[in-house]
Amino acid sequence: MEKRQIQARLIERGSNFRQFAISHGYEPRTVTQAIQRWAGQTNLPSGRLTFRILKDLSVFIGKEVLPGILQKEPEHTGCAGQ
């Protein structure tokens, strides 16, 4: 999803990048940088904060900003606790 498409979805919900950031506890500049860097990409970010921002944004606008960002995270099946 391109930056303008994300922006349009936010506007439809009466919001913008800054309002989204503040309402979700993020620094507005960090949200802007994440969108600037990752909008239009097909792979997922490895940074935890960026991933969380883009996932929260996807939930908020009702559409994945990156393909697969809303997929259920794989469950860990290790030997922990045994």
PDB file of N, CA and C in Angstrom:
ATOM      1  N   MET A   1       0.849  -1.169   0.000  1.00  0.00           N
ATOM      2  CA  MET A   1       0.000   0.000   0.000  1.00  0.00           C
ATOM      3  C   MET A   1       0.901   1.240   0.000  1.00  0.00           C
ATOM      4  N   GLU A   2       0.596   2.173  -0.851  1.00  0.00           N
ATOM      5  CA  GLU A   2       1.403   3.382  -0.974  1.00  0.00           C
ATOM      6  C   GLU A   2       1.050   4.404   0.113  1.00  0.00           C
ATOM      7  N   LYS A   3       1.957   5.321   0.333  1.00  0.00           N
ATOM      8  CA  LYS A   3       1.791   6.332   1.389  1.00  0.00           C
ATOM      9  C   LYS A   3       0.483   7.112   1.214  1.00  0.00           C
ATOM     10  N   ARG A   4       0.168   7.525   0.006  1.00  0.00           N
ATOM     11  CA  ARG A   4      -1.062   8.309  -0.244  1.00  0.00           C
ATOM     12  C   ARG A   4      -2.316   7.494   0.050  1.00  0.00           C
ATOM     13  N   GLN A   5      -2.263   6.187  -0.226  1.00  0.00           N
ATOM     14  CA  GLN A   5      -3.405   5.329   0.071  1.00  0.00           C
ATOM     15  C   GLN A   5      -3.611   5.212   1.580  1.00  0.00           C
ATOM     16  N   ILE A   6      -2.514   5.087   2.310  1.00  0.00           N
ATOM     17  CA  ILE A   6      -2.592   5.023   3.776  1.00  0.00           C
ATOM     18  C   ILE A   6      -3.163   6.331   4.303  1.00  0.00           C
ATOM     19  N   GLN A   7      -2.659   7.431   3.783  1.00  0.00           N
ATOM     20  CA  GLN A   7      -3.120   8.752   4.205  1.00  0.00           C
ATOM     21  C   GLN A   7      -4.613   8.924   3.925  1.00  0.00           C
ATOM     22  N   ALA A   8      -5.071   8.454   2.769  1.00  0.00           N
ATOM     23  CA  ALA A   8      -6.493   8.558   2.415  1.00  0.00           C
ATOM     24  C   ALA A   8      -7.356   7.752   3.380  1.00  0.00           C
ATOM     25  N   ARG A   9      -6.896   6.555   3.737  1.00  0.00           N
ATOM     26  CA  ARG A   9      -7.634   5.720   4.697  1.00  0.00           C
ATOM     27  C   ARG A   9      -7.725   6.403   6.056  1.00  0.00           C
ATOM     28  N   LEU A  10      -6.642   7.037   6.475  1.00  0.00           N
ATOM     29  CA  LEU A  10      -6.664   7.751   7.760  1.00  0.00           C
ATOM     30  C   LEU A  10      -7.653   8.918   7.710  1.00  0.00           C
ATOM     31  N   ILE A  11      -7.642   9.647   6.610  1.00  0.00           N
ATOM     32  CA  ILE A  11      -8.558  10.784   6.450  1.00  0.00           C
ATOM     33  C   ILE A  11     -10.011  10.309   6.489  1.00  0.00           C
ATOM     34  N   GLU A  12     -10.290   9.158   5.868  1.00  0.00           N
ATOM     35  CA  GLU A  12     -11.645   8.593   5.894  1.00  0.00           C
ATOM     36  C   GLU A  12     -12.103   8.339   7.322  1.00  0.00           C
ATOM     37  N   ARG A  13     -11.154   8.082   8.206  1.00  0.00           N
ATOM     38  CA  ARG A  13     -11.472   7.816   9.613  1.00  0.00           C
ATOM     39  C   ARG A  13     -11.289   9.059  10.488  1.00  0.00           C
ATOM     40  N   GLY A  14     -11.142  10.212   9.843  1.00  0.00           N
ATOM     41  CA  GLY A  14     -11.014  11.465  10.581  1.00  0.00           C
ATOM     42  C   GLY A  14      -9.689  11.607  11.305  1.00  0.00           C
ATOM     43  N   SER A  15      -8.647  11.013  10.759  1.00  0.00           N
ATOM     44  CA  SER A  15      -7.347  11.043  11.411  1.00  0.00           C
ATOM     45  C   SER A  15      -6.263  11.414  10.403  1.00  0.00           C
ATOM     46  N   ASN A  16      -5.041  11.462  10.876  1.00  0.00           N
ATOM     47  CA  ASN A  16      -3.871  11.669  10.027  1.00  0.00           C
ATOM     48  C   ASN A  16      -2.687  10.977  10.695  1.00  0.00           C
ATOM     49  N   PHE A  17      -1.509  11.055  10.104  1.00  0.00           N
ATOM     50  CA  PHE A  17      -0.352  10.356  10.661  1.00  0.00           C
ATOM     51  C   PHE A  17      -0.061  10.795  12.091  1.00  0.00           C
ATOM     52  N   ARG A  18      -0.088  12.085  12.317  1.00  0.00           N
ATOM     53  CA  ARG A  18       0.224  12.632  13.647  1.00  0.00           C
ATOM     54  C   ARG A  18      -0.792  12.186  14.692  1.00  0.00           C
ATOM     55  N   GLN A  19      -2.072  12.303  14.379  1.00  0.00           N
ATOM     56  CA  GLN A  19      -3.119  11.905  15.330  1.00  0.00           C
ATOM     57  C   GLN A  19      -3.060  10.406  15.614  1.00  0.00           C
ATOM     58  N   PHE A  20      -2.812   9.604  14.574  1.00  0.00           N
ATOM     59  CA  PHE A  20      -2.668   8.171  14.776  1.00  0.00           C
ATOM     60  C   PHE A  20      -1.517   7.897  15.740  1.00  0.00           C
ATOM     61  N   ALA A  21      -0.389   8.519  15.499  1.00  0.00           N
ATOM     62  CA  ALA A  21       0.796   8.301  16.339  1.00  0.00           C
ATOM     63  C   ALA A  21       0.515   8.637  17.795  1.00  0.00           C
ATOM     64  N   ILE A  22      -0.014   9.788  18.038  1.00  0.00           N
ATOM     65  CA  ILE A  22      -0.265  10.237  19.409  1.00  0.00           C
ATOM     66  C   ILE A  22      -1.288   9.342  20.094  1.00  0.00           C
ATOM     67  N   SER A  23      -2.355   8.985  19.387  1.00  0.00           N
ATOM     68  CA  SER A  23      -3.401   8.172  20.009  1.00  0.00           C
ATOM     69  C   SER A  23      -2.942   6.743  20.298  1.00  0.00           C
ATOM     70  N   HIS A  24      -1.880   6.295  19.622  1.00  0.00           N
ATOM     71  CA  HIS A  24      -1.374   4.944  19.844  1.00  0.00           C
ATOM     72  C   HIS A  24      -0.065   4.920  20.635  1.00  0.00           C
ATOM     73  N   GLY A  25       0.344   6.081  21.132  1.00  0.00           N
ATOM     74  CA  GLY A  25       1.526   6.157  21.993  1.00  0.00           C
ATOM     75  C   GLY A  25       2.853   6.153  21.257  1.00  0.00           C
ATOM     76  N   TYR A  26       2.863   6.552  20.002  1.00  0.00           N
ATOM     77  CA  TYR A  26       4.094   6.609  19.217  1.00  0.00           C
ATOM     78  C   TYR A  26       4.507   8.060  18.995  1.00  0.00           C
ATOM     79  N   GLU A  27       5.782   8.257  18.740  1.00  0.00           N
ATOM     80  CA  GLU A  27       6.272   9.574  18.337  1.00  0.00           C
ATOM     81  C   GLU A  27       5.829   9.814  16.893  1.00  0.00           C
ATOM     82  N   PRO A  28       5.228  10.959  16.597  1.00  0.00           N
ATOM     83  CA  PRO A  28       4.772  11.222  15.229  1.00  0.00           C
ATOM     84  C   PRO A  28       5.881  11.065  14.184  1.00  0.00           C
ATOM     85  N   ARG A  29       7.082  11.508  14.510  1.00  0.00           N
ATOM     86  CA  ARG A  29       8.184  11.406  13.554  1.00  0.00           C
ATOM     87  C   ARG A  29       8.535   9.941  13.266  1.00  0.00           C
ATOM     88  N   THR A  30       8.467   9.097  14.269  1.00  0.00           N
ATOM     89  CA  THR A  30       8.780   7.681  14.094  1.00  0.00           C
ATOM     90  C   THR A  30       7.761   7.022  13.166  1.00  0.00           C
ATOM     91  N   VAL A  31       6.490   7.365  13.333  1.00  0.00           N
ATOM     92  CA  VAL A  31       5.444   6.824  12.466  1.00  0.00           C
ATOM     93  C   VAL A  31       5.662   7.295  11.028  1.00  0.00           C
ATOM     94  N   THR A  32       5.944   8.572  10.858  1.00  0.00           N
ATOM     95  CA  THR A  32       6.184   9.117   9.523  1.00  0.00           C
ATOM     96  C   THR A  32       7.372   8.425   8.854  1.00  0.00           C
ATOM     97  N   GLN A  33       8.453   8.211   9.610  1.00  0.00           N
ATOM     98  CA  GLN A  33       9.630   7.554   9.057  1.00  0.00           C
ATOM     99  C   GLN A  33       9.333   6.105   8.668  1.00  0.00           C
ATOM    100  N   ALA A  34       8.573   5.406   9.505  1.00  0.00           N
ATOM    101  CA  ALA A  34       8.226   4.015   9.211  1.00  0.00           C
ATOM    102  C   ALA A  34       7.410   3.929   7.921  1.00  0.00           C
ATOM    103  N   ILE A  35       6.450   4.811   7.772  1.00  0.00           N
ATOM    104  CA  ILE A  35       5.609   4.808   6.572  1.00  0.00           C
ATOM    105  C   ILE A  35       6.429   5.203   5.350  1.00  0.00           C
ATOM    106  N   GLN A  36       7.265   6.216   5.506  1.00  0.00           N
ATOM    107  CA  GLN A  36       8.115   6.675   4.407  1.00  0.00           C
ATOM    108  C   GLN A  36       9.007   5.533   3.902  1.00  0.00           C
ATOM    109  N   ARG A  37       9.555   4.766   4.830  1.00  0.00           N
ATOM    110  CA  ARG A  37      10.490   3.691   4.478  1.00  0.00           C
ATOM    111  C   ARG A  37       9.779   2.452   3.932  1.00  0.00           C
ATOM    112  N   TRP A  38       8.638   2.080   4.501  1.00  0.00           N
ATOM    113  CA  TRP A  38       8.034   0.788   4.204  1.00  0.00           C
ATOM    114  C   TRP A  38       6.820   0.819   3.289  1.00  0.00           C
ATOM    115  N   ALA A  39       6.195   1.959   3.072  1.00  0.00           N
ATOM    116  CA  ALA A  39       5.025   2.018   2.181  1.00  0.00           C
ATOM    117  C   ALA A  39       5.414   1.554   0.786  1.00  0.00           C
ATOM    118  N   GLY A  40       4.631   0.652   0.236  1.00  0.00           N
ATOM    119  CA  GLY A  40       4.883   0.144  -1.106  1.00  0.00           C
ATOM    120  C   GLY A  40       5.801  -1.064  -1.160  1.00  0.00           C
ATOM    121  N   GLN A  41       6.356  -1.460  -0.031  1.00  0.00           N
ATOM    122  CA  GLN A  41       7.249  -2.619   0.014  1.00  0.00           C
ATOM    123  C   GLN A  41       6.433  -3.913   0.096  1.00  0.00           C
ATOM    124  N   THR A  42       7.083  -5.021  -0.188  1.00  0.00           N
ATOM    125  CA  THR A  42       6.387  -6.304  -0.104  1.00  0.00           C
ATOM    126  C   THR A  42       6.934  -7.188   1.009  1.00  0.00           C
ATOM    127  N   ASN A  43       8.100  -6.834   1.556  1.00  0.00           N
ATOM    128  CA  ASN A  43       8.645  -7.617   2.662  1.00  0.00           C
ATOM    129  C   ASN A  43       8.338  -6.929   3.985  1.00  0.00           C
ATOM    130  N   LEU A  44       8.472  -7.658   5.076  1.00  0.00           N
ATOM    131  CA  LEU A  44       8.141  -7.139   6.395  1.00  0.00           C
ATOM    132  C   LEU A  44       9.376  -6.599   7.100  1.00  0.00           C
ATOM    133  N   PRO A  45       9.220  -5.538   7.907  1.00  0.00           N
ATOM    134  CA  PRO A  45      10.364  -5.002   8.644  1.00  0.00           C
ATOM    135  C   PRO A  45      10.799  -5.953   9.753  1.00  0.00           C
ATOM    136  N   SER A  46      12.081  -5.927  10.076  1.00  0.00           N
ATOM    137  CA  SER A  46      12.573  -6.781  11.158  1.00  0.00           C
ATOM    138  C   SER A  46      12.594  -6.048  12.497  1.00  0.00           C
ATOM    139  N   GLY A  47      12.531  -4.731  12.468  1.00  0.00           N
ATOM    140  CA  GLY A  47      12.516  -3.955  13.707  1.00  0.00           C
ATOM    141  C   GLY A  47      11.184  -4.096  14.428  1.00  0.00           C
ATOM    142  N   ARG A  48      11.251  -4.330  15.724  1.00  0.00           N
ATOM    143  CA  ARG A  48      10.024  -4.553  16.505  1.00  0.00           C
ATOM    144  C   ARG A  48       9.108  -3.336  16.520  1.00  0.00           C
ATOM    145  N   LEU A  49       9.675  -2.155  16.743  1.00  0.00           N
ATOM    146  CA  LEU A  49       8.848  -0.952  16.828  1.00  0.00           C
ATOM    147  C   LEU A  49       8.188  -0.657  15.484  1.00  0.00           C
ATOM    148  N   THR A  50       8.963  -0.720  14.418  1.00  0.00           N
ATOM    149  CA  THR A  50       8.409  -0.463  13.085  1.00  0.00           C
ATOM    150  C   THR A  50       7.317  -1.466  12.756  1.00  0.00           C
ATOM    151  N   PHE A  51       7.571  -2.747  13.057  1.00  0.00           N
ATOM    152  CA  PHE A  51       6.571  -3.780  12.803  1.00  0.00           C
ATOM    153  C   PHE A  51       5.292  -3.482  13.576  1.00  0.00           C
ATOM    154  N   ARG A  52       5.428  -3.106  14.844  1.00  0.00           N
ATOM    155  CA  ARG A  52       4.257  -2.823  15.679  1.00  0.00           C
ATOM    156  C   ARG A  52       3.489  -1.610  15.153  1.00  0.00           C
ATOM    157  N   ILE A  53       4.209  -0.578  14.739  1.00  0.00           N
ATOM    158  CA  ILE A  53       3.561   0.621  14.185  1.00  0.00           C
ATOM    159  C   ILE A  53       2.752   0.246  12.943  1.00  0.00           C
ATOM    160  N   LEU A  54       3.366  -0.481  12.030  1.00  0.00           N
ATOM    161  CA  LEU A  54       2.686  -0.825  10.782  1.00  0.00           C
ATOM    162  C   LEU A  54       1.530  -1.792  11.012  1.00  0.00           C
ATOM    163  N   LYS A  55       1.671  -2.671  11.989  1.00  0.00           N
ATOM    164  CA  LYS A  55       0.577  -3.586  12.313  1.00  0.00           C
ATOM    165  C   LYS A  55      -0.591  -2.812  12.934  1.00  0.00           C
ATOM    166  N   ASP A  56      -0.302  -1.940  13.895  1.00  0.00           N
ATOM    167  CA  ASP A  56      -1.355  -1.122  14.509  1.00  0.00           C
ATOM    168  C   ASP A  56      -2.036  -0.236  13.472  1.00  0.00           C
ATOM    169  N   LEU A  57      -1.257   0.303  12.573  1.00  0.00           N
ATOM    170  CA  LEU A  57      -1.814   1.146  11.512  1.00  0.00           C
ATOM    171  C   LEU A  57      -2.735   0.330  10.613  1.00  0.00           C
ATOM    172  N   SER A  58      -2.323  -0.886  10.289  1.00  0.00           N
ATOM    173  CA  SER A  58      -3.147  -1.763   9.451  1.00  0.00           C
ATOM    174  C   SER A  58      -4.480  -2.072  10.115  1.00  0.00           C
ATOM    175  N   VAL A  59      -4.440  -2.367  11.406  1.00  0.00           N
ATOM    176  CA  VAL A  59      -5.671  -2.640  12.151  1.00  0.00           C
ATOM    177  C   VAL A  59      -6.554  -1.394  12.163  1.00  0.00           C
ATOM    178  N   PHE A  60      -5.950  -0.234  12.389  1.00  0.00           N
ATOM    179  CA  PHE A  60      -6.690   1.024  12.485  1.00  0.00           C
ATOM    180  C   PHE A  60      -7.393   1.377  11.179  1.00  0.00           C
ATOM    181  N   ILE A  61      -6.709   1.201  10.049  1.00  0.00           N
ATOM    182  CA  ILE A  61      -7.316   1.581   8.768  1.00  0.00           C
ATOM    183  C   ILE A  61      -8.110   0.445   8.131  1.00  0.00           C
ATOM    184  N   GLY A  62      -7.988  -0.760   8.685  1.00  0.00           N
ATOM    185  CA  GLY A  62      -8.771  -1.883   8.183  1.00  0.00           C
ATOM    186  C   GLY A  62      -8.224  -2.545   6.942  1.00  0.00           C
ATOM    187  N   LYS A  63      -6.952  -2.335   6.655  1.00  0.00           N
ATOM    188  CA  LYS A  63      -6.324  -2.963   5.489  1.00  0.00           C
ATOM    189  C   LYS A  63      -4.825  -3.068   5.740  1.00  0.00           C
ATOM    190  N   GLU A  64      -4.233  -4.183   5.289  1.00  0.00           N
ATOM    191  CA  GLU A  64      -2.801  -4.388   5.491  1.00  0.00           C
ATOM    192  C   GLU A  64      -1.988  -3.349   4.717  1.00  0.00           C
ATOM    193  N   VAL A  65      -1.091  -2.652   5.414  1.00  0.00           N
ATOM    194  CA  VAL A  65      -0.215  -1.708   4.728  1.00  0.00           C
ATOM    195  C   VAL A  65       0.938  -2.444   4.057  1.00  0.00           C
ATOM    196  N   LEU A  66       1.277  -3.614   4.568  1.00  0.00           N
ATOM    197  CA  LEU A  66       2.258  -4.512   3.954  1.00  0.00           C
ATOM    198  C   LEU A  66       1.626  -5.893   3.877  1.00  0.00           C
ATOM    199  N   PRO A  67       1.826  -6.605   2.780  1.00  0.00           N
ATOM    200  CA  PRO A  67       1.244  -7.944   2.658  1.00  0.00           C
ATOM    201  C   PRO A  67       1.722  -8.863   3.787  1.00  0.00           C
ATOM    202  N   GLY A  68       0.779  -9.463   4.498  1.00  0.00           N
ATOM    203  CA  GLY A  68       1.106 -10.420   5.548  1.00  0.00           C
ATOM    204  C   GLY A  68       1.319  -9.847   6.928  1.00  0.00           C
ATOM    205  N   ILE A  69       1.214  -8.535   7.097  1.00  0.00           N
ATOM    206  CA  ILE A  69       1.499  -7.922   8.403  1.00  0.00           C
ATOM    207  C   ILE A  69       0.465  -8.306   9.458  1.00  0.00           C
ATOM    208  N   LEU A  70      -0.743  -8.655   9.036  1.00  0.00           N
ATOM    209  CA  LEU A  70      -1.785  -9.016   9.995  1.00  0.00           C
ATOM    210  C   LEU A  70      -1.915 -10.525  10.182  1.00  0.00           C
ATOM    211  N   GLN A  71      -1.025 -11.290   9.574  1.00  0.00           N
ATOM    212  CA  GLN A  71      -1.061 -12.738   9.749  1.00  0.00           C
ATOM    213  C   GLN A  71      -0.787 -13.084  11.199  1.00  0.00           C
ATOM    214  N   LYS A  72      -1.417 -14.147  11.647  1.00  0.00           N
ATOM    215  CA  LYS A  72      -1.198 -14.607  13.009  1.00  0.00           C
ATOM    216  C   LYS A  72       0.265 -15.005  13.157  1.00  0.00           C
ATOM    217  N   GLU A  73       0.878 -14.537  14.234  1.00  0.00           N
ATOM    218  CA  GLU A  73       2.284 -14.867  14.473  1.00  0.00           C
ATOM    219  C   GLU A  73       2.405 -16.346  14.789  1.00  0.00           C
ATOM    220  N   PRO A  74       3.430 -17.008  14.262  1.00  0.00           N
ATOM    221  CA  PRO A  74       3.580 -18.450  14.512  1.00  0.00           C
ATOM    222  C   PRO A  74       3.803 -18.729  15.997  1.00  0.00           C
ATOM    223  N   GLU A  75       3.181 -19.810  16.442  1.00  0.00           N
ATOM    224  CA  GLU A  75       3.330 -20.191  17.842  1.00  0.00           C
ATOM    225  C   GLU A  75       4.656 -20.907  18.024  1.00  0.00           C
ATOM    226  N   HIS A  76       5.272 -20.667  19.168  1.00  0.00           N
ATOM    227  CA  HIS A  76       6.553 -21.303  19.448  1.00  0.00           C
ATOM    228  C   HIS A  76       6.294 -22.684  20.034  1.00  0.00           C
ATOM    229  N   THR A  77       6.919 -23.692  19.468  1.00  0.00           N
ATOM    230  CA  THR A  77       6.767 -25.054  19.966  1.00  0.00           C
ATOM    231  C   THR A  77       8.134 -25.591  20.346  1.00  0.00           C
ATOM    232  N   GLY A  78       8.662 -25.023  21.413  1.00  0.00           N
ATOM    233  CA  GLY A  78       9.982 -25.441  21.866  1.00  0.00           C
ATOM    234  C   GLY A  78       9.871 -26.334  23.090  1.00  0.00           C
ATOM    235  N   CYS A  79      10.979 -26.567  23.721  1.00  0.00           N
ATOM    236  CA  CYS A  79      11.042 -27.420  24.897  1.00  0.00           C
ATOM    237  C   CYS A  79      10.979 -26.606  26.183  1.00  0.00           C
ATOM    238  N   ALA A  80      10.566 -25.378  26.101  1.00  0.00           N
ATOM    239  CA  ALA A  80      10.515 -24.515  27.270  1.00  0.00           C
ATOM    240  C   ALA A  80       9.565 -25.084  28.313  1.00  0.00           C
ATOM    241  N   GLY A  81      10.000 -25.072  29.547  1.00  0.00           N
ATOM    242  CA  GLY A  81       9.145 -25.519  30.644  1.00  0.00           C
ATOM    243  C   GLY A  81       9.181 -26.996  30.877  1.00  0.00           C
ATOM    244  N   GLN A  82      10.004 -27.711  30.165  1.00  0.00           N
ATOM    245  CA  GLN A  82      10.068 -29.172  30.347  1.00  0.00           C
ATOM    246  C   GLN A  82      11.263 -29.559  31.150  1.00  0.00           C
TER     247      GLN A  82
END
